[in-house]
Amino acid sequence: DREFHLKIVPSDVGGYVFLPGDPGRCEMIAANFDDAH
């Protein structure tokens, strides 16, 4: 039903993606998006 490791389907992500190593940086990066969730 979804990607095995990421647990997502195509509608969950955009075509442009940032890749930090640390999961703790994700929220900080997402704060720069409009309507981040």
PDB file of all heavy atoms in Angstrom:
ATOM      1  N   ASP A   1       0.785  -1.230   0.000  1.00  0.00           N
ATOM      2  CA  ASP A   1       0.000   0.000   0.000  1.00  0.00           C
ATOM      3  C   ASP A   1       0.816   1.280   0.000  1.00  0.00           C
ATOM      4  O   ASP A   1       0.321   2.332  -0.393  1.00  0.00           O
ATOM      5  CB  ASP A   1      -0.945   0.022   1.210  1.00  0.00           C
ATOM      6  CG  ASP A   1      -1.920  -1.144   1.191  1.00  0.00           C
ATOM      7  OD1 ASP A   1      -2.386  -1.484   0.092  1.00  0.00           O
ATOM      8  OD2 ASP A   1      -2.179  -1.712   2.263  1.00  0.00           O
ATOM      9  N   ARG A   2       2.052   1.223   0.471  1.00  0.00           N
ATOM     10  CA  ARG A   2       2.872   2.432   0.580  1.00  0.00           C
ATOM     11  C   ARG A   2       4.347   2.047   0.599  1.00  0.00           C
ATOM     12  O   ARG A   2       4.674   0.868   0.711  1.00  0.00           O
ATOM     13  CB  ARG A   2       2.512   3.241   1.817  1.00  0.00           C
ATOM     14  CG  ARG A   2       2.632   2.519   3.146  1.00  0.00           C
ATOM     15  CD  ARG A   2       1.994   3.320   4.276  1.00  0.00           C
ATOM     16  NE  ARG A   2       0.585   3.551   3.998  1.00  0.00           N
ATOM     17  CZ  ARG A   2       0.051   4.758   3.834  1.00  0.00           C
ATOM     18  NH1 ARG A   2       0.802   5.842   3.915  1.00  0.00           N
ATOM     19  NH2 ARG A   2      -1.234   4.899   3.584  1.00  0.00           N
ATOM     20  N   GLU A   3       5.213   3.042   0.487  1.00  0.00           N
ATOM     21  CA  GLU A   3       6.649   2.765   0.487  1.00  0.00           C
ATOM     22  C   GLU A   3       7.052   2.096   1.801  1.00  0.00           C
ATOM     23  O   GLU A   3       6.650   2.533   2.877  1.00  0.00           O
ATOM     24  CB  GLU A   3       7.438   4.048   0.268  1.00  0.00           C
ATOM     25  CG  GLU A   3       7.209   4.689  -1.087  1.00  0.00           C
ATOM     26  CD  GLU A   3       7.540   3.764  -2.247  1.00  0.00           C
ATOM     27  OE1 GLU A   3       8.553   3.034  -2.170  1.00  0.00           O
ATOM     28  OE2 GLU A   3       6.789   3.770  -3.240  1.00  0.00           O
ATOM     29  N   PHE A   4       7.872   1.066   1.697  1.00  0.00           N
ATOM     30  CA  PHE A   4       8.157   0.197   2.830  1.00  0.00           C
ATOM     31  C   PHE A   4       8.852   0.920   3.982  1.00  0.00           C
ATOM     32  O   PHE A   4       8.502   0.718   5.152  1.00  0.00           O
ATOM     33  CB  PHE A   4       9.026  -0.975   2.365  1.00  0.00           C
ATOM     34  CG  PHE A   4       9.344  -1.959   3.448  1.00  0.00           C
ATOM     35  CD1 PHE A   4       8.345  -2.663   4.094  1.00  0.00           C
ATOM     36  CD2 PHE A   4      10.659  -2.184   3.824  1.00  0.00           C
ATOM     37  CE1 PHE A   4       8.640  -3.579   5.091  1.00  0.00           C
ATOM     38  CE2 PHE A   4      10.968  -3.096   4.812  1.00  0.00           C
ATOM     39  CZ  PHE A   4       9.957  -3.797   5.452  1.00  0.00           C
ATOM     40  N   HIS A   5       9.837   1.765   3.669  1.00  0.00           N
ATOM     41  CA  HIS A   5      10.582   2.437   4.726  1.00  0.00           C
ATOM     42  C   HIS A   5      10.013   3.810   5.072  1.00  0.00           C
ATOM     43  O   HIS A   5       9.911   4.166   6.244  1.00  0.00           O
ATOM     44  CB  HIS A   5      12.046   2.600   4.319  1.00  0.00           C
ATOM     45  CG  HIS A   5      12.748   1.308   4.074  1.00  0.00           C
ATOM     46  ND1 HIS A   5      12.752   0.694   2.830  1.00  0.00           N
ATOM     47  CD2 HIS A   5      13.453   0.508   4.905  1.00  0.00           C
ATOM     48  CE1 HIS A   5      13.448  -0.427   2.916  1.00  0.00           C
ATOM     49  NE2 HIS A   5      13.877  -0.571   4.155  1.00  0.00           N
ATOM     50  N   LEU A   6       9.658   4.590   4.051  1.00  0.00           N
ATOM     51  CA  LEU A   6       9.176   5.950   4.287  1.00  0.00           C
ATOM     52  C   LEU A   6       7.721   6.017   4.717  1.00  0.00           C
ATOM     53  O   LEU A   6       7.275   7.034   5.254  1.00  0.00           O
ATOM     54  CB  LEU A   6       9.371   6.814   3.039  1.00  0.00           C
ATOM     55  CG  LEU A   6      10.793   6.940   2.488  1.00  0.00           C
ATOM     56  CD1 LEU A   6      10.832   7.981   1.382  1.00  0.00           C
ATOM     57  CD2 LEU A   6      11.796   7.267   3.579  1.00  0.00           C
ATOM     58  N   LYS A   7       6.957   4.969   4.446  1.00  0.00           N
ATOM     59  CA  LYS A   7       5.533   4.913   4.815  1.00  0.00           C
ATOM     60  C   LYS A   7       4.731   6.020   4.147  1.00  0.00           C
ATOM     61  O   LYS A   7       3.884   6.666   4.785  1.00  0.00           O
ATOM     62  CB  LYS A   7       5.360   4.982   6.344  1.00  0.00           C
ATOM     63  CG  LYS A   7       6.143   3.930   7.114  1.00  0.00           C
ATOM     64  CD  LYS A   7       5.765   2.520   6.729  1.00  0.00           C
ATOM     65  CE  LYS A   7       6.528   1.472   7.538  1.00  0.00           C
ATOM     66  NZ  LYS A   7       6.286   0.092   7.068  1.00  0.00           N
ATOM     67  N   ILE A   8       4.982   6.242   2.856  1.00  0.00           N
ATOM     68  CA  ILE A   8       4.280   7.297   2.128  1.00  0.00           C
ATOM     69  C   ILE A   8       3.721   6.752   0.824  1.00  0.00           C
ATOM     70  O   ILE A   8       4.118   5.688   0.338  1.00  0.00           O
ATOM     71  CB  ILE A   8       5.215   8.486   1.811  1.00  0.00           C
ATOM     72  CG1 ILE A   8       6.438   8.013   0.994  1.00  0.00           C
ATOM     73  CG2 ILE A   8       5.637   9.199   3.081  1.00  0.00           C
ATOM     74  CD1 ILE A   8       7.313   9.138   0.475  1.00  0.00           C
ATOM     75  N   VAL A   9       2.790   7.533   0.247  1.00  0.00           N
ATOM     76  CA  VAL A   9       2.264   7.317  -1.094  1.00  0.00           C
ATOM     77  C   VAL A   9       2.572   8.578  -1.903  1.00  0.00           C
ATOM     78  O   VAL A   9       2.940   9.622  -1.336  1.00  0.00           O
ATOM     79  CB  VAL A   9       0.745   7.026  -1.070  1.00  0.00           C
ATOM     80  CG1 VAL A   9       0.466   5.720  -0.321  1.00  0.00           C
ATOM     81  CG2 VAL A   9      -0.023   8.184  -0.449  1.00  0.00           C
ATOM     82  N   PRO A  10       2.452   8.536  -3.231  1.00  0.00           N
ATOM     83  CA  PRO A  10       2.842   9.686  -4.047  1.00  0.00           C
ATOM     84  C   PRO A  10       2.209  11.010  -3.635  1.00  0.00           C
ATOM     85  O   PRO A  10       2.866  12.060  -3.702  1.00  0.00           O
ATOM     86  CB  PRO A  10       2.416   9.270  -5.455  1.00  0.00           C
ATOM     87  CG  PRO A  10       2.608   7.788  -5.453  1.00  0.00           C
ATOM     88  CD  PRO A  10       2.165   7.348  -4.086  1.00  0.00           C
ATOM     89  N   SER A  11       0.972  11.002  -3.198  1.00  0.00           N
ATOM     90  CA  SER A  11       0.311  12.261  -2.838  1.00  0.00           C
ATOM     91  C   SER A  11       0.850  12.877  -1.551  1.00  0.00           C
ATOM     92  O   SER A  11       0.521  14.017  -1.215  1.00  0.00           O
ATOM     93  CB  SER A  11      -1.196  12.032  -2.694  1.00  0.00           C
ATOM     94  OG  SER A  11      -1.460  11.070  -1.691  1.00  0.00           O
ATOM     95  N   ASP A  12       1.718  12.161  -0.840  1.00  0.00           N
ATOM     96  CA  ASP A  12       2.245  12.660   0.434  1.00  0.00           C
ATOM     97  C   ASP A  12       3.401  13.638   0.273  1.00  0.00           C
ATOM     98  O   ASP A  12       3.722  14.373   1.218  1.00  0.00           O
ATOM     99  CB  ASP A  12       2.732  11.495   1.308  1.00  0.00           C
ATOM    100  CG  ASP A  12       1.592  10.690   1.906  1.00  0.00           C
ATOM    101  OD1 ASP A  12       0.524  11.273   2.153  1.00  0.00           O
ATOM    102  OD2 ASP A  12       1.791   9.479   2.139  1.00  0.00           O
ATOM    103  N   VAL A  13       4.070  13.630  -0.879  1.00  0.00           N
ATOM    104  CA  VAL A  13       5.278  14.443  -1.039  1.00  0.00           C
ATOM    105  C   VAL A  13       5.233  15.256  -2.323  1.00  0.00           C
ATOM    106  O   VAL A  13       4.550  14.900  -3.273  1.00  0.00           O
ATOM    107  CB  VAL A  13       6.558  13.562  -1.037  1.00  0.00           C
ATOM    108  CG1 VAL A  13       6.788  12.961   0.339  1.00  0.00           C
ATOM    109  CG2 VAL A  13       6.486  12.483  -2.097  1.00  0.00           C
ATOM    110  N   GLY A  14       5.990  16.360  -2.307  1.00  0.00           N
ATOM    111  CA  GLY A  14       6.111  17.179  -3.501  1.00  0.00           C
ATOM    112  C   GLY A  14       7.266  16.721  -4.364  1.00  0.00           C
ATOM    113  O   GLY A  14       8.056  15.852  -3.978  1.00  0.00           O
ATOM    114  N   GLY A  15       7.398  17.329  -5.529  1.00  0.00           N
ATOM    115  CA  GLY A  15       8.472  16.954  -6.437  1.00  0.00           C
ATOM    116  C   GLY A  15       9.831  17.483  -6.026  1.00  0.00           C
ATOM    117  O   GLY A  15      10.855  17.007  -6.502  1.00  0.00           O
ATOM    118  N   TYR A  16       9.840  18.473  -5.127  1.00  0.00           N
ATOM    119  CA  TYR A  16      11.072  19.110  -4.667  1.00  0.00           C
ATOM    120  C   TYR A  16      11.281  18.740  -3.198  1.00  0.00           C
ATOM    121  O   TYR A  16      10.405  19.015  -2.357  1.00  0.00           O
ATOM    122  CB  TYR A  16      10.967  20.622  -4.817  1.00  0.00           C
ATOM    123  CG  TYR A  16      10.685  21.081  -6.235  1.00  0.00           C
ATOM    124  CD1 TYR A  16       9.371  21.205  -6.703  1.00  0.00           C
ATOM    125  CD2 TYR A  16      11.723  21.379  -7.116  1.00  0.00           C
ATOM    126  CE1 TYR A  16       9.110  21.615  -8.000  1.00  0.00           C
ATOM    127  CE2 TYR A  16      11.467  21.795  -8.414  1.00  0.00           C
ATOM    128  CZ  TYR A  16      10.158  21.918  -8.849  1.00  0.00           C
ATOM    129  OH  TYR A  16       9.890  22.315 -10.140  1.00  0.00           O
ATOM    130  N   VAL A  17      12.446  18.142  -2.893  1.00  0.00           N
ATOM    131  CA  VAL A  17      12.645  17.585  -1.555  1.00  0.00           C
ATOM    132  C   VAL A  17      14.015  17.959  -0.999  1.00  0.00           C
ATOM    133  O   VAL A  17      15.022  17.915  -1.713  1.00  0.00           O
ATOM    134  CB  VAL A  17      12.493  16.055  -1.567  1.00  0.00           C
ATOM    135  CG1 VAL A  17      12.803  15.464  -0.196  1.00  0.00           C
ATOM    136  CG2 VAL A  17      11.077  15.658  -1.984  1.00  0.00           C
ATOM    137  N   PHE A  18      14.044  18.300   0.283  1.00  0.00           N
ATOM    138  CA  PHE A  18      15.279  18.533   1.022  1.00  0.00           C
ATOM    139  C   PHE A  18      15.616  17.284   1.821  1.00  0.00           C
ATOM    140  O   PHE A  18      14.725  16.650   2.394  1.00  0.00           O
ATOM    141  CB  PHE A  18      15.118  19.725   1.968  1.00  0.00           C
ATOM    142  CG  PHE A  18      14.797  21.003   1.254  1.00  0.00           C
ATOM    143  CD1 PHE A  18      13.473  21.416   1.088  1.00  0.00           C
ATOM    144  CD2 PHE A  18      15.799  21.806   0.732  1.00  0.00           C
ATOM    145  CE1 PHE A  18      13.165  22.583   0.423  1.00  0.00           C
ATOM    146  CE2 PHE A  18      15.506  22.980   0.063  1.00  0.00           C
ATOM    147  CZ  PHE A  18      14.179  23.375  -0.090  1.00  0.00           C
ATOM    148  N   LEU A  19      16.910  16.965   1.893  1.00  0.00           N
ATOM    149  CA  LEU A  19      17.361  15.740   2.545  1.00  0.00           C
ATOM    150  C   LEU A  19      18.375  16.054   3.643  1.00  0.00           C
ATOM    151  O   LEU A  19      19.590  15.993   3.415  1.00  0.00           O
ATOM    152  CB  LEU A  19      17.996  14.800   1.516  1.00  0.00           C
ATOM    153  CG  LEU A  19      17.127  14.308   0.362  1.00  0.00           C
ATOM    154  CD1 LEU A  19      17.985  13.516  -0.627  1.00  0.00           C
ATOM    155  CD2 LEU A  19      15.966  13.466   0.875  1.00  0.00           C
ATOM    156  N   PRO A  20      17.946  16.369   4.847  1.00  0.00           N
ATOM    157  CA  PRO A  20      18.891  16.443   5.959  1.00  0.00           C
ATOM    158  C   PRO A  20      19.179  15.033   6.458  1.00  0.00           C
ATOM    159  O   PRO A  20      18.402  14.109   6.207  1.00  0.00           O
ATOM    160  CB  PRO A  20      18.118  17.247   7.008  1.00  0.00           C
ATOM    161  CG  PRO A  20      16.683  16.854   6.762  1.00  0.00           C
ATOM    162  CD  PRO A  20      16.567  16.676   5.262  1.00  0.00           C
ATOM    163  N   GLY A  21      20.286  14.855   7.138  1.00  0.00           N
ATOM    164  CA  GLY A  21      20.531  13.561   7.748  1.00  0.00           C
ATOM    165  C   GLY A  21      19.721  13.375   9.013  1.00  0.00           C
ATOM    166  O   GLY A  21      19.096  12.330   9.228  1.00  0.00           O
ATOM    167  N   ASP A  22      19.707  14.410   9.838  1.00  0.00           N
ATOM    168  CA  ASP A  22      19.122  14.356  11.171  1.00  0.00           C
ATOM    169  C   ASP A  22      17.607  14.570  11.133  1.00  0.00           C
ATOM    170  O   ASP A  22      17.144  15.607  10.660  1.00  0.00           O
ATOM    171  CB  ASP A  22      19.775  15.443  12.029  1.00  0.00           C
ATOM    172  CG  ASP A  22      19.300  15.461  13.466  1.00  0.00           C
ATOM    173  OD1 ASP A  22      18.453  14.627  13.832  1.00  0.00           O
ATOM    174  OD2 ASP A  22      19.781  16.331  14.225  1.00  0.00           O
ATOM    175  N   PRO A  23      16.813  13.618  11.633  1.00  0.00           N
ATOM    176  CA  PRO A  23      15.357  13.836  11.697  1.00  0.00           C
ATOM    177  C   PRO A  23      14.988  15.076  12.494  1.00  0.00           C
ATOM    178  O   PRO A  23      13.952  15.702  12.237  1.00  0.00           O
ATOM    179  CB  PRO A  23      14.838  12.568  12.393  1.00  0.00           C
ATOM    180  CG  PRO A  23      15.885  11.542  12.145  1.00  0.00           C
ATOM    181  CD  PRO A  23      17.190  12.279  12.122  1.00  0.00           C
ATOM    182  N   GLY A  24      15.840  15.466  13.456  1.00  0.00           N
ATOM    183  CA  GLY A  24      15.559  16.639  14.268  1.00  0.00           C
ATOM    184  C   GLY A  24      15.597  17.942  13.511  1.00  0.00           C
ATOM    185  O   GLY A  24      15.100  18.960  14.002  1.00  0.00           O
ATOM    186  N   ARG A  25      16.184  17.947  12.304  1.00  0.00           N
ATOM    187  CA  ARG A  25      16.224  19.179  11.509  1.00  0.00           C
ATOM    188  C   ARG A  25      15.002  19.346  10.607  1.00  0.00           C
ATOM    189  O   ARG A  25      14.814  20.399  10.008  1.00  0.00           O
ATOM    190  CB  ARG A  25      17.485  19.198  10.636  1.00  0.00           C
ATOM    191  CG  ARG A  25      18.783  19.309  11.412  1.00  0.00           C
ATOM    192  CD  ARG A  25      19.923  19.736  10.496  1.00  0.00           C
ATOM    193  NE  ARG A  25      21.191  19.679  11.220  1.00  0.00           N
ATOM    194  CZ  ARG A  25      22.113  18.747  11.044  1.00  0.00           C
ATOM    195  NH1 ARG A  25      21.900  17.784  10.166  1.00  0.00           N
ATOM    196  NH2 ARG A  25      23.230  18.762  11.720  1.00  0.00           N
ATOM    197  N   CYS A  26      14.191  18.320  10.496  1.00  0.00           N
ATOM    198  CA  CYS A  26      13.095  18.363   9.522  1.00  0.00           C
ATOM    199  C   CYS A  26      12.075  19.454   9.837  1.00  0.00           C
ATOM    200  O   CYS A  26      11.638  20.183   8.941  1.00  0.00           O
ATOM    201  CB  CYS A  26      12.405  17.002   9.443  1.00  0.00           C
ATOM    202  SG  CYS A  26      13.419  15.731   8.672  1.00  0.00           S
ATOM    203  N   GLU A  27      11.697  19.559  11.094  1.00  0.00           N
ATOM    204  CA  GLU A  27      10.690  20.567  11.444  1.00  0.00           C
ATOM    205  C   GLU A  27      11.220  21.968  11.200  1.00  0.00           C
ATOM    206  O   GLU A  27      10.486  22.851  10.732  1.00  0.00           O
ATOM    207  CB  GLU A  27      10.264  20.393  12.905  1.00  0.00           C
ATOM    208  CG  GLU A  27       9.095  21.284  13.293  1.00  0.00           C
ATOM    209  CD  GLU A  27       8.557  20.982  14.681  1.00  0.00           C
ATOM    210  OE1 GLU A  27       9.168  20.140  15.392  1.00  0.00           O
ATOM    211  OE2 GLU A  27       7.534  21.582  15.063  1.00  0.00           O
ATOM    212  N   MET A  28      12.512  22.196  11.492  1.00  0.00           N
ATOM    213  CA  MET A  28      13.115  23.501  11.251  1.00  0.00           C
ATOM    214  C   MET A  28      13.103  23.837   9.759  1.00  0.00           C
ATOM    215  O   MET A  28      12.821  24.977   9.368  1.00  0.00           O
ATOM    216  CB  MET A  28      14.551  23.516  11.767  1.00  0.00           C
ATOM    217  CG  MET A  28      15.309  24.792  11.466  1.00  0.00           C
ATOM    218  SD  MET A  28      17.022  24.759  12.037  1.00  0.00           S
ATOM    219  CE  MET A  28      17.749  23.582  10.894  1.00  0.00           C
ATOM    220  N   ILE A  29      13.410  22.865   8.932  1.00  0.00           N
ATOM    221  CA  ILE A  29      13.393  23.102   7.484  1.00  0.00           C
ATOM    222  C   ILE A  29      11.968  23.327   7.000  1.00  0.00           C
ATOM    223  O   ILE A  29      11.696  24.235   6.212  1.00  0.00           O
ATOM    224  CB  ILE A  29      14.044  21.918   6.747  1.00  0.00           C
ATOM    225  CG1 ILE A  29      15.530  21.842   7.104  1.00  0.00           C
ATOM    226  CG2 ILE A  29      13.851  22.036   5.236  1.00  0.00           C
ATOM    227  CD1 ILE A  29      16.223  20.577   6.655  1.00  0.00           C
ATOM    228  N   ALA A  30      11.031  22.520   7.494  1.00  0.00           N
ATOM    229  CA  ALA A  30       9.628  22.636   7.078  1.00  0.00           C
ATOM    230  C   ALA A  30       9.022  23.977   7.482  1.00  0.00           C
ATOM    231  O   ALA A  30       8.054  24.428   6.858  1.00  0.00           O
ATOM    232  CB  ALA A  30       8.812  21.496   7.665  1.00  0.00           C
ATOM    233  N   ALA A  31       9.578  24.626   8.500  1.00  0.00           N
ATOM    234  CA  ALA A  31       9.067  25.930   8.922  1.00  0.00           C
ATOM    235  C   ALA A  31       9.199  26.976   7.820  1.00  0.00           C
ATOM    236  O   ALA A  31       8.539  28.017   7.861  1.00  0.00           O
ATOM    237  CB  ALA A  31       9.795  26.396  10.180  1.00  0.00           C
ATOM    238  N   ASN A  32      10.042  26.701   6.827  1.00  0.00           N
ATOM    239  CA  ASN A  32      10.192  27.614   5.695  1.00  0.00           C
ATOM    240  C   ASN A  32       9.154  27.386   4.604  1.00  0.00           C
ATOM    241  O   ASN A  32       9.079  28.169   3.653  1.00  0.00           O
ATOM    242  CB  ASN A  32      11.585  27.450   5.094  1.00  0.00           C
ATOM    243  CG  ASN A  32      12.688  27.868   6.037  1.00  0.00           C
ATOM    244  OD1 ASN A  32      13.020  29.043   6.118  1.00  0.00           O
ATOM    245  ND2 ASN A  32      13.259  26.904   6.750  1.00  0.00           N
ATOM    246  N   PHE A  33       8.365  26.319   4.714  1.00  0.00           N
ATOM    247  CA  PHE A  33       7.333  26.025   3.723  1.00  0.00           C
ATOM    248  C   PHE A  33       6.067  26.826   4.027  1.00  0.00           C
ATOM    249  O   PHE A  33       5.827  27.263   5.157  1.00  0.00           O
ATOM    250  CB  PHE A  33       6.955  24.541   3.752  1.00  0.00           C
ATOM    251  CG  PHE A  33       8.044  23.580   3.423  1.00  0.00           C
ATOM    252  CD1 PHE A  33       7.890  22.230   3.711  1.00  0.00           C
ATOM    253  CD2 PHE A  33       9.222  23.989   2.819  1.00  0.00           C
ATOM    254  CE1 PHE A  33       8.878  21.309   3.416  1.00  0.00           C
ATOM    255  CE2 PHE A  33      10.226  23.086   2.519  1.00  0.00           C
ATOM    256  CZ  PHE A  33      10.052  21.739   2.817  1.00  0.00           C
ATOM    257  N   ASP A  34       5.220  26.966   3.025  1.00  0.00           N
ATOM    258  CA  ASP A  34       3.842  27.419   3.242  1.00  0.00           C
ATOM    259  C   ASP A  34       2.996  26.195   3.567  1.00  0.00           C
ATOM    260  O   ASP A  34       3.131  25.143   2.921  1.00  0.00           O
ATOM    261  CB  ASP A  34       3.297  28.111   1.990  1.00  0.00           C
ATOM    262  CG  ASP A  34       4.065  29.381   1.659  1.00  0.00           C
ATOM    263  OD1 ASP A  34       4.466  30.093   2.588  1.00  0.00           O
ATOM    264  OD2 ASP A  34       4.284  29.634   0.452  1.00  0.00           O
ATOM    265  N   ASP A  35       2.154  26.323   4.578  1.00  0.00           N
ATOM    266  CA  ASP A  35       1.200  25.258   4.936  1.00  0.00           C
ATOM    267  C   ASP A  35       1.882  23.919   5.200  1.00  0.00           C
ATOM    268  O   ASP A  35       1.419  22.859   4.752  1.00  0.00           O
ATOM    269  CB  ASP A  35       0.145  25.083   3.825  1.00  0.00           C
ATOM    270  CG  ASP A  35      -0.618  26.365   3.546  1.00  0.00           C
ATOM    271  OD1 ASP A  35      -0.971  27.047   4.522  1.00  0.00           O
ATOM    272  OD2 ASP A  35      -0.844  26.687   2.372  1.00  0.00           O
ATOM    273  N   ALA A  36       2.966  23.955   5.961  1.00  0.00           N
ATOM    274  CA  ALA A  36       3.696  22.716   6.251  1.00  0.00           C
ATOM    275  C   ALA A  36       2.907  21.827   7.205  1.00  0.00           C
ATOM    276  O   ALA A  36       2.239  22.301   8.118  1.00  0.00           O
ATOM    277  CB  ALA A  36       5.046  23.045   6.874  1.00  0.00           C
ATOM    278  N   HIS A  37       2.989  20.524   6.978  1.00  0.00           N
ATOM    279  CA  HIS A  37       2.340  19.578   7.882  1.00  0.00           C
ATOM    280  C   HIS A  37       3.170  18.301   7.964  1.00  0.00           C
ATOM    281  O   HIS A  37       3.886  17.943   7.026  1.00  0.00           O
ATOM    282  CB  HIS A  37       0.917  19.241   7.413  1.00  0.00           C
ATOM    283  CG  HIS A  37       0.855  18.573   6.078  1.00  0.00           C
ATOM    284  ND1 HIS A  37       0.888  19.272   4.880  1.00  0.00           N
ATOM    285  CD2 HIS A  37       0.779  17.259   5.734  1.00  0.00           C
ATOM    286  CE1 HIS A  37       0.822  18.423   3.871  1.00  0.00           C
ATOM    287  NE2 HIS A  37       0.760  17.193   4.356  1.00  0.00           N
TER     288      HIS A  37
END
